[in-house]
């Protein structure tokens, strides 16, 4: 698992092309995942995995294991859904300009402002007398320059640009995934099995070769080495599921699909690999002694449970929202326009709230709740204010 100074997430809500009808269920899923990001970061210091505070609670370890194992992959899947339709009606130059405006510009601004402000709270624990100007200059010139949550946006931008080039060379390259989505309308397990097999084939060799905790890093650009291909697979599976008739009318995600009528089956499918992950963690701690170099058999088993759980919980969430939350009023709808901005700015609020509470003798649940609620309200207010700036809604 990654420490609070290494890991971050969330989500970018891609511009939805006019040619594709808006899917309220998917909008709400993106908002829920954004809130999940805040929960993930709010509880991290109070866990065994990311223990940076004197207080902890085992329930937060259960949350952290679940969120770390699926939500980034699901973000990439959802982000890929509208890529191929957008490429079909936009010229390459316009598509690239739109992506640079929507992803590149806010990432650069966040890397220069929000991220140094966030990590200054961590620096003060180690060097209480360091000035912010000194810390900022050292960060952007000497480093390390951590990416925080925006690593996701850099990687998503790279995937978008790659998709643009691939579309021009082979616009029908995702037809097989599209046909799979159509075939999975009545049998969603087909898509699920194919996703698990593909991601396992890509993830397991990377996990064994790179390990689970090493990152590619260049300035504020970073990504977990073992998961690059996993994320790419989810992105392009999402792009294939969003092609033509396979999107929201007759495919896997259609409102009349079998997935939208699913019940407890996906919950069971999710719980089995999740429980087995905990069995493997117990073996690592009690039998393998938390060894830094884990045997290949262990990594293969853990990786297999990881990709199975990741796909299963995504299907469970999709099934729930497609069945119960695809219409009507939801409090999530008021958050949806600001979700992207909340993702961009929340990390600074969370780290400073955790810094402020560090010496307080509050229970872990209280500290995490204060960090989550405080960061959510402050991030929401900040985003709402920023979106009032002329032209800001095109970016945020």
Protein backbone atom coordinates (compact mmCIF):
# COMPACT_ATOMS: atom_id res chain seq x y z
CA UNK A 1 0.00 0.00 0.00
CA UNK A 2 1.05 3.56 -0.62
CA UNK A 3 1.67 6.18 2.00
CA UNK A 4 -0.28 9.43 2.19
CA UNK A 5 2.62 11.22 0.57
CA UNK A 6 2.69 8.85 -2.40
CA UNK A 7 -0.89 8.06 -3.39
CA UNK A 8 -3.79 10.06 -4.66
CA UNK A 9 -6.63 9.86 -7.09
CA UNK A 10 -10.18 10.80 -8.62
CA UNK A 11 -11.78 11.77 -11.45
CA UNK A 12 -12.25 13.86 -14.44
CA UNK A 13 -15.71 14.11 -15.90
CA UNK A 14 -15.13 13.97 -19.65
CA UNK A 15 -17.01 16.32 -21.90
CA UNK A 16 -19.99 14.40 -23.24
CA UNK A 17 -20.54 14.76 -26.98
CA UNK A 18 -23.90 15.95 -28.27
CA UNK A 19 -24.23 12.78 -30.33
CA UNK A 20 -24.47 10.61 -27.21
CA UNK A 21 -27.34 10.98 -24.74
CA UNK A 22 -26.36 11.75 -21.18
CA UNK A 23 -26.51 8.85 -18.76
CA UNK A 24 -27.57 10.08 -15.32
CA UNK A 25 -26.47 6.86 -13.64
CA UNK A 26 -22.89 7.28 -14.88
CA UNK A 27 -22.82 10.93 -13.80
CA UNK A 28 -23.81 9.84 -10.31
CA UNK A 29 -21.22 7.07 -10.27
CA UNK A 30 -18.47 9.58 -11.12
CA UNK A 31 -19.62 11.81 -8.28
CA UNK A 32 -19.69 8.90 -5.82
CA UNK A 33 -16.19 7.90 -6.88
CA UNK A 34 -14.99 11.45 -6.34
CA UNK A 35 -16.39 11.30 -2.81
CA UNK A 36 -14.69 7.93 -2.40
CA UNK A 37 -11.39 9.62 -3.23
CA UNK A 38 -11.94 12.05 -0.37
CA UNK A 39 -12.79 9.20 1.99
CA UNK A 40 -9.68 7.30 0.86
CA UNK A 41 -7.39 10.22 1.63
CA UNK A 42 -9.23 11.19 4.82
CA UNK A 43 -8.77 7.77 6.45
CA UNK A 44 -5.28 6.92 5.18
CA UNK A 45 -3.20 8.27 8.12
CA UNK A 46 -5.33 6.28 10.56
CA UNK A 47 -4.66 2.82 9.06
CA UNK A 48 -2.00 0.13 9.24
CA UNK A 49 -1.24 0.64 5.55
CA UNK A 50 -0.58 4.38 5.74
CA UNK A 51 -0.01 4.88 9.46
CA UNK A 52 1.23 8.47 9.92
CA UNK A 53 -0.89 9.38 12.96
CA UNK A 54 -0.86 7.95 16.48
CA UNK A 55 -4.54 7.05 16.17
CA UNK A 56 -5.85 4.23 13.98
CA UNK A 57 -8.89 2.02 13.41
CA UNK A 58 -8.98 -1.39 11.69
CA UNK A 59 -12.20 -0.48 9.87
CA UNK A 60 -10.30 2.11 7.89
CA UNK A 61 -7.90 -0.60 6.69
CA UNK A 62 -10.90 -2.43 5.24
CA UNK A 63 -11.96 0.76 3.43
CA UNK A 64 -8.46 1.49 2.18
CA UNK A 65 -7.92 -2.01 0.81
CA UNK A 66 -11.20 -1.85 -1.09
CA UNK A 67 -10.77 1.63 -2.53
CA UNK A 68 -7.13 1.17 -3.53
CA UNK A 69 -8.05 -2.03 -5.34
CA UNK A 70 -10.67 -0.65 -7.71
CA UNK A 71 -11.49 3.03 -7.94
CA UNK A 72 -8.66 4.21 -10.14
CA UNK A 73 -9.33 1.46 -12.66
CA UNK A 74 -13.03 2.36 -12.66
CA UNK A 75 -12.21 6.02 -13.19
CA UNK A 76 -10.28 5.12 -16.32
CA UNK A 77 -13.13 2.90 -17.55
CA UNK A 78 -15.68 5.69 -17.15
CA UNK A 79 -13.33 8.23 -18.71
CA UNK A 80 -12.91 6.00 -21.76
CA UNK A 81 -16.63 5.63 -22.45
CA UNK A 82 -17.01 8.85 -24.45
CA UNK A 83 -13.62 8.91 -26.15
CA UNK A 84 -14.42 7.06 -29.38
CA UNK A 85 -17.70 8.98 -30.04
CA UNK A 86 -15.83 12.26 -29.47
CA UNK A 87 -13.10 11.26 -31.88
CA UNK A 88 -15.75 10.37 -34.45
CA UNK A 89 -17.12 13.89 -34.73
CA UNK A 90 -14.10 16.05 -33.83
CA UNK A 91 -11.06 16.80 -35.91
CA UNK A 92 -7.78 15.68 -34.28
CA UNK A 93 -6.58 19.22 -33.69
CA UNK A 94 -9.78 20.26 -31.94
CA UNK A 95 -9.89 17.09 -29.87
CA UNK A 96 -6.30 17.58 -28.69
CA UNK A 97 -6.91 21.27 -27.90
CA UNK A 98 -10.00 20.36 -25.89
CA UNK A 99 -8.12 17.70 -23.92
CA UNK A 100 -5.19 20.02 -23.23
CA UNK A 101 -7.61 22.68 -22.02
CA UNK A 102 -9.70 20.30 -19.92
CA UNK A 103 -6.86 18.17 -18.54
CA UNK A 104 -3.47 19.76 -19.20
CA UNK A 105 -4.19 23.31 -18.02
CA UNK A 106 -5.80 22.46 -14.66
CA UNK A 107 -3.14 19.82 -14.02
CA UNK A 108 -0.32 22.33 -14.57
CA UNK A 109 -1.98 24.97 -12.38
CA UNK A 110 -2.70 22.40 -9.65
CA UNK A 111 0.88 21.09 -9.77
CA UNK A 112 2.22 24.60 -9.19
CA UNK A 113 -0.25 25.68 -6.50
CA UNK A 114 -2.43 23.10 -4.74
CA UNK A 115 0.16 20.32 -4.59
CA UNK A 116 2.98 22.39 -2.99
CA UNK A 117 0.47 23.87 -0.54
CA UNK A 118 -0.70 20.36 0.38
CA UNK A 119 2.75 18.86 0.87
CA UNK A 120 3.96 21.90 2.81
CA UNK A 121 1.84 20.52 5.69
CA UNK A 122 3.93 17.33 5.62
CA UNK A 123 7.19 19.30 5.33
CA UNK A 124 6.35 21.29 8.46
CA UNK A 125 6.24 18.09 10.51
CA UNK A 126 9.82 17.36 9.54
CA UNK A 127 11.17 20.94 9.38
CA UNK A 128 8.91 23.22 11.46
CA UNK A 129 10.78 26.43 10.58
CA UNK A 130 10.84 26.03 6.79
CA UNK A 131 9.14 28.89 4.93
CA UNK A 132 6.63 28.16 2.20
CA UNK A 133 8.50 30.15 -0.45
CA UNK A 134 11.64 28.15 0.29
CA UNK A 135 9.72 24.87 0.21
CA UNK A 136 7.92 25.77 -3.04
CA UNK A 137 11.14 26.74 -4.83
CA UNK A 138 12.92 23.58 -3.71
CA UNK A 139 9.94 21.47 -4.82
CA UNK A 140 9.74 22.83 -8.38
CA UNK A 141 13.49 23.13 -8.97
CA UNK A 142 15.25 20.39 -7.01
CA UNK A 143 12.43 18.07 -6.05
CA UNK A 144 10.95 15.77 -5.10
CA UNK A 145 7.85 17.19 -6.74
CA UNK A 146 5.04 14.78 -5.80
CA UNK A 147 2.02 14.63 -8.07
CA UNK A 148 -0.63 14.01 -5.45
CA UNK A 149 -4.04 13.32 -7.04
CA UNK A 150 -3.17 14.82 -10.41
CA UNK A 151 -1.12 11.81 -11.54
CA UNK A 152 -4.47 10.45 -12.71
CA UNK A 153 -5.08 13.43 -14.97
CA UNK A 154 -1.61 13.27 -16.55
CA UNK A 155 -2.10 9.59 -17.31
CA UNK A 156 -5.63 10.16 -18.60
CA UNK A 157 -4.32 12.89 -20.91
CA UNK A 158 -1.69 10.48 -22.23
CA UNK A 159 -4.37 7.84 -22.87
CA UNK A 160 -6.60 10.39 -24.61
CA UNK A 161 -3.79 11.51 -26.91
CA UNK A 162 -2.88 7.89 -27.62
CA UNK A 163 -6.51 7.13 -28.45
CA UNK A 164 -6.58 10.08 -30.84
CA UNK A 165 -3.60 8.73 -32.77
CA UNK A 166 -4.92 5.17 -32.76
CA UNK A 167 -8.32 6.29 -34.02
CA UNK A 168 -6.75 7.93 -37.06
CA UNK A 169 -4.75 4.79 -37.84
CA UNK A 170 -7.36 2.14 -37.01
CA UNK A 171 -10.81 3.61 -36.25
CA UNK A 172 -12.32 0.13 -35.99
CA UNK A 173 -9.75 -1.28 -33.59
CA UNK A 174 -12.29 -1.44 -30.74
CA UNK A 175 -15.05 -3.11 -32.75
CA UNK A 176 -14.34 -6.42 -31.01
CA UNK A 177 -14.86 -4.81 -27.60
CA UNK A 178 -18.00 -3.15 -28.94
CA UNK A 179 -19.35 -6.49 -30.13
CA UNK A 180 -18.47 -7.98 -26.74
CA UNK A 181 -20.47 -5.21 -25.06
CA UNK A 182 -23.47 -5.96 -27.26
CA UNK A 183 -23.19 -9.68 -26.57
CA UNK A 184 -22.94 -8.92 -22.86
CA UNK A 185 -26.27 -7.12 -22.78
CA UNK A 186 -27.91 -10.42 -21.82
CA UNK A 187 -24.79 -12.07 -20.42
CA UNK A 188 -22.66 -9.47 -18.58
CA UNK A 189 -20.42 -12.24 -17.26
CA UNK A 190 -18.88 -12.41 -20.77
CA UNK A 191 -17.54 -8.86 -20.48
CA UNK A 192 -16.52 -9.48 -16.87
CA UNK A 193 -14.51 -12.63 -17.66
CA UNK A 194 -12.82 -11.03 -20.65
CA UNK A 195 -11.91 -7.98 -18.56
CA UNK A 196 -10.48 -10.11 -15.74
CA UNK A 197 -8.45 -12.31 -18.11
CA UNK A 198 -7.06 -9.35 -20.05
CA UNK A 199 -6.15 -7.30 -17.01
CA UNK A 200 -4.58 -10.31 -15.29
CA UNK A 201 -2.43 -10.99 -18.38
CA UNK A 202 -1.24 -7.38 -18.34
CA UNK A 203 -1.00 -6.74 -14.61
CA UNK A 204 0.57 -9.91 -13.19
CA UNK A 205 3.87 -9.77 -15.17
CA UNK A 206 4.21 -6.06 -14.30
CA UNK A 207 3.51 -6.75 -10.63
CA UNK A 208 6.18 -9.44 -10.43
CA UNK A 209 8.74 -7.39 -12.37
CA UNK A 210 8.23 -3.97 -10.77
CA UNK A 211 6.65 -4.86 -7.44
CA UNK A 212 3.60 -3.09 -6.04
CA UNK A 213 5.09 0.12 -4.68
CA UNK A 214 7.45 1.57 -7.30
CA UNK A 215 6.48 4.57 -9.43
CA UNK A 216 7.61 6.15 -12.67
CA UNK A 217 8.44 9.71 -11.62
CA UNK A 218 9.50 12.79 -13.58
CA UNK A 219 8.79 16.03 -11.79
CA UNK A 220 5.04 16.12 -11.07
CA UNK A 221 4.44 13.33 -13.61
CA UNK A 222 4.14 9.94 -11.96
CA UNK A 223 2.29 6.65 -12.15
CA UNK A 224 2.53 3.31 -10.37
CA UNK A 225 4.67 1.10 -12.59
CA UNK A 226 2.82 -2.16 -12.10
CA UNK A 227 -0.58 -0.61 -12.89
CA UNK A 228 0.05 1.35 -16.10
CA UNK A 229 -1.12 -1.45 -18.40
CA UNK A 230 -4.00 -2.30 -16.07
CA UNK A 231 -5.28 1.27 -16.29
CA UNK A 232 -4.80 1.32 -20.06
CA UNK A 233 -6.88 -1.86 -20.36
CA UNK A 234 -9.74 -0.36 -18.37
CA UNK A 235 -9.59 2.85 -20.40
CA UNK A 236 -9.78 1.07 -23.77
CA UNK A 237 -12.38 -1.44 -22.57
CA UNK A 238 -14.45 1.60 -21.58
CA UNK A 239 -13.82 3.19 -24.97
CA UNK A 240 -14.96 0.00 -26.69
CA UNK A 241 -18.08 -0.21 -24.52
CA UNK A 242 -18.95 3.34 -25.59
CA UNK A 243 -18.75 2.71 -29.34
CA UNK A 244 -21.93 3.19 -31.36
CA UNK A 245 -24.88 0.97 -30.43
CA UNK A 246 -22.81 -0.67 -27.72
CA UNK A 247 -23.01 2.39 -25.49
CA UNK A 248 -26.23 3.10 -23.58
CA UNK A 249 -28.96 1.70 -25.77
CA UNK A 250 -28.30 -2.00 -26.40
CA UNK A 251 -24.95 -2.83 -24.84
CA UNK A 252 -23.60 -3.82 -21.46
CA UNK A 253 -24.59 -0.47 -19.94
CA UNK A 254 -28.01 -0.22 -21.55
CA UNK A 255 -30.92 0.46 -19.20
CA UNK A 256 -32.56 -2.77 -20.38
CA UNK A 257 -29.43 -4.89 -20.05
CA UNK A 258 -29.12 -7.86 -17.74
CA UNK A 259 -26.54 -5.91 -15.72
CA UNK A 260 -29.16 -3.26 -14.95
CA UNK A 261 -31.41 -6.01 -13.59
CA UNK A 262 -28.73 -7.77 -11.55
CA UNK A 263 -29.08 -8.39 -7.86
CA UNK A 264 -26.94 -9.95 -5.16
CA UNK A 265 -24.82 -12.03 -7.53
CA UNK A 266 -22.28 -9.27 -8.14
CA UNK A 267 -22.03 -8.57 -4.42
CA UNK A 268 -21.07 -12.20 -3.79
CA UNK A 269 -18.63 -12.06 -6.71
CA UNK A 270 -17.08 -9.00 -5.07
CA UNK A 271 -16.88 -10.36 -1.52
CA UNK A 272 -15.08 -13.61 -2.41
CA UNK A 273 -11.86 -12.07 -3.84
CA UNK A 274 -11.99 -9.27 -1.25
CA UNK A 275 -11.98 -11.78 1.61
CA UNK A 276 -9.21 -13.76 -0.07
CA UNK A 277 -7.14 -10.56 -0.27
CA UNK A 278 -7.37 -10.34 3.51
CA UNK A 279 -6.34 -13.99 3.83
CA UNK A 280 -3.27 -13.24 1.73
CA UNK A 281 -2.48 -10.13 3.78
CA UNK A 282 -2.67 -12.25 6.94
CA UNK A 283 -0.25 -14.77 5.37
CA UNK A 284 2.11 -11.95 4.42
CA UNK A 285 2.18 -10.57 7.96
CA UNK A 286 2.14 -13.78 10.00
CA UNK A 287 3.88 -16.31 7.76
CA UNK A 288 6.09 -14.28 5.42
CA UNK A 289 6.95 -11.71 8.08
CA UNK A 290 6.15 -8.63 5.95
CA UNK A 291 9.14 -9.41 3.77
CA UNK A 292 10.10 -6.66 1.33
CA UNK A 293 10.65 -9.28 -1.37
CA UNK A 294 7.57 -11.46 -1.67
CA UNK A 295 7.68 -14.82 -3.46
CA UNK A 296 6.30 -14.98 -7.00
CA UNK A 297 3.50 -17.39 -6.01
CA UNK A 298 2.23 -14.89 -3.45
CA UNK A 299 2.29 -11.98 -5.89
CA UNK A 300 0.48 -14.05 -8.52
CA UNK A 301 -2.28 -15.03 -6.09
CA UNK A 302 -2.61 -11.51 -4.72
CA UNK A 303 -2.58 -9.99 -8.18
CA UNK A 304 -5.25 -12.41 -9.39
CA UNK A 305 -7.52 -11.56 -6.47
CA UNK A 306 -6.78 -7.87 -7.02
CA UNK A 307 -7.90 -7.83 -10.68
CA UNK A 308 -10.93 -10.03 -9.93
CA UNK A 309 -12.09 -7.80 -7.09
CA UNK A 310 -11.45 -4.67 -9.15
CA UNK A 311 -13.67 -5.88 -11.99
CA UNK A 312 -16.33 -7.37 -9.71
CA UNK A 313 -16.86 -4.27 -7.58
CA UNK A 314 -17.04 -2.13 -10.72
CA UNK A 315 -19.80 -4.37 -12.07
CA UNK A 316 -21.58 -4.30 -8.70
CA UNK A 317 -21.53 -0.48 -8.65
CA UNK A 318 -22.63 -0.24 -12.28
CA UNK A 319 -25.46 -2.70 -11.63
CA UNK A 320 -26.69 -0.79 -8.57
CA UNK A 321 -26.77 2.61 -10.27
CA UNK A 322 -28.18 1.32 -13.55
CA UNK A 323 -30.99 -0.38 -11.64
CA UNK A 324 -31.82 2.05 -8.84
CA UNK A 325 -30.18 5.41 -9.55
CA UNK A 326 -30.70 6.14 -13.23
CA UNK A 327 -33.54 8.67 -12.75
CA UNK A 328 -35.25 10.83 -10.17
CA UNK A 329 -33.73 13.25 -7.67
CA UNK A 330 -30.42 12.61 -5.96
CA UNK A 331 -28.25 14.80 -3.74
CA UNK A 332 -25.38 13.68 -5.96
CA UNK A 333 -26.75 15.80 -8.80
CA UNK A 334 -25.96 19.03 -6.96
CA UNK A 335 -22.34 17.91 -6.52
CA UNK A 336 -21.85 16.66 -10.06
CA UNK A 337 -20.93 19.99 -11.77
CA UNK A 338 -18.24 20.66 -9.17
CA UNK A 339 -16.88 17.10 -8.85
CA UNK A 340 -13.85 17.68 -11.08
CA UNK A 341 -12.85 20.82 -9.19
CA UNK A 342 -13.36 19.09 -5.85
CA UNK A 343 -10.98 16.38 -6.99
CA UNK A 344 -8.36 18.93 -8.01
CA UNK A 345 -8.30 20.99 -4.82
CA UNK A 346 -9.34 18.62 -2.02
CA UNK A 347 -5.89 17.25 -1.24
CA UNK A 348 -4.58 20.49 0.24
CA UNK A 349 -7.54 20.80 2.57
CA UNK A 350 -7.28 17.19 3.72
CA UNK A 351 -3.53 17.30 4.46
CA UNK A 352 -3.81 20.59 6.34
CA UNK A 353 -6.74 19.33 8.41
CA UNK A 354 -4.75 16.19 9.23
CA UNK A 355 -1.74 18.35 10.14
CA UNK A 356 -3.92 20.51 12.41
CA UNK A 357 -5.33 17.42 14.19
CA UNK A 358 -2.02 15.55 14.41
CA UNK A 359 -1.34 16.30 18.10
CA UNK A 360 -4.97 16.10 19.20
CA UNK A 361 -6.03 13.08 21.22
CA UNK A 362 -9.18 12.48 19.22
CA UNK A 363 -10.31 9.01 18.11
CA UNK A 364 -9.36 8.04 14.57
CA UNK A 365 -13.00 8.04 13.47
CA UNK A 366 -13.43 11.64 14.63
CA UNK A 367 -10.25 12.79 12.90
CA UNK A 368 -11.14 11.09 9.64
CA UNK A 369 -14.69 12.48 9.75
CA UNK A 370 -13.43 16.02 10.32
CA UNK A 371 -10.92 15.65 7.48
CA UNK A 372 -13.56 14.31 5.07
CA UNK A 373 -16.38 16.73 5.88
CA UNK A 374 -14.10 19.74 6.17
CA UNK A 375 -12.28 19.00 2.92
CA UNK A 376 -15.52 18.30 1.06
CA UNK A 377 -17.19 21.54 2.14
CA UNK A 378 -14.08 23.66 1.58
CA UNK A 379 -13.35 22.06 -1.81
CA UNK A 380 -16.95 22.44 -2.93
CA UNK A 381 -17.03 26.10 -1.92
CA UNK A 382 -13.66 26.77 -3.58
CA UNK A 383 -14.73 25.08 -6.82
CA UNK A 384 -18.05 26.94 -6.90
CA UNK A 385 -16.14 30.22 -6.49
CA UNK A 386 -13.58 29.33 -9.17
CA UNK A 387 -16.33 28.36 -11.62
CA UNK A 388 -17.71 31.90 -11.40
CA UNK A 389 -14.54 33.22 -13.06
CA UNK A 390 -15.33 33.98 -16.73
CA UNK A 391 -14.37 31.00 -18.88
CA UNK A 392 -13.59 28.75 -15.92
CA UNK A 393 -16.52 26.41 -16.57
CA UNK A 394 -14.82 25.30 -19.79
CA UNK A 395 -12.01 23.92 -17.65
CA UNK A 396 -13.73 23.04 -14.36
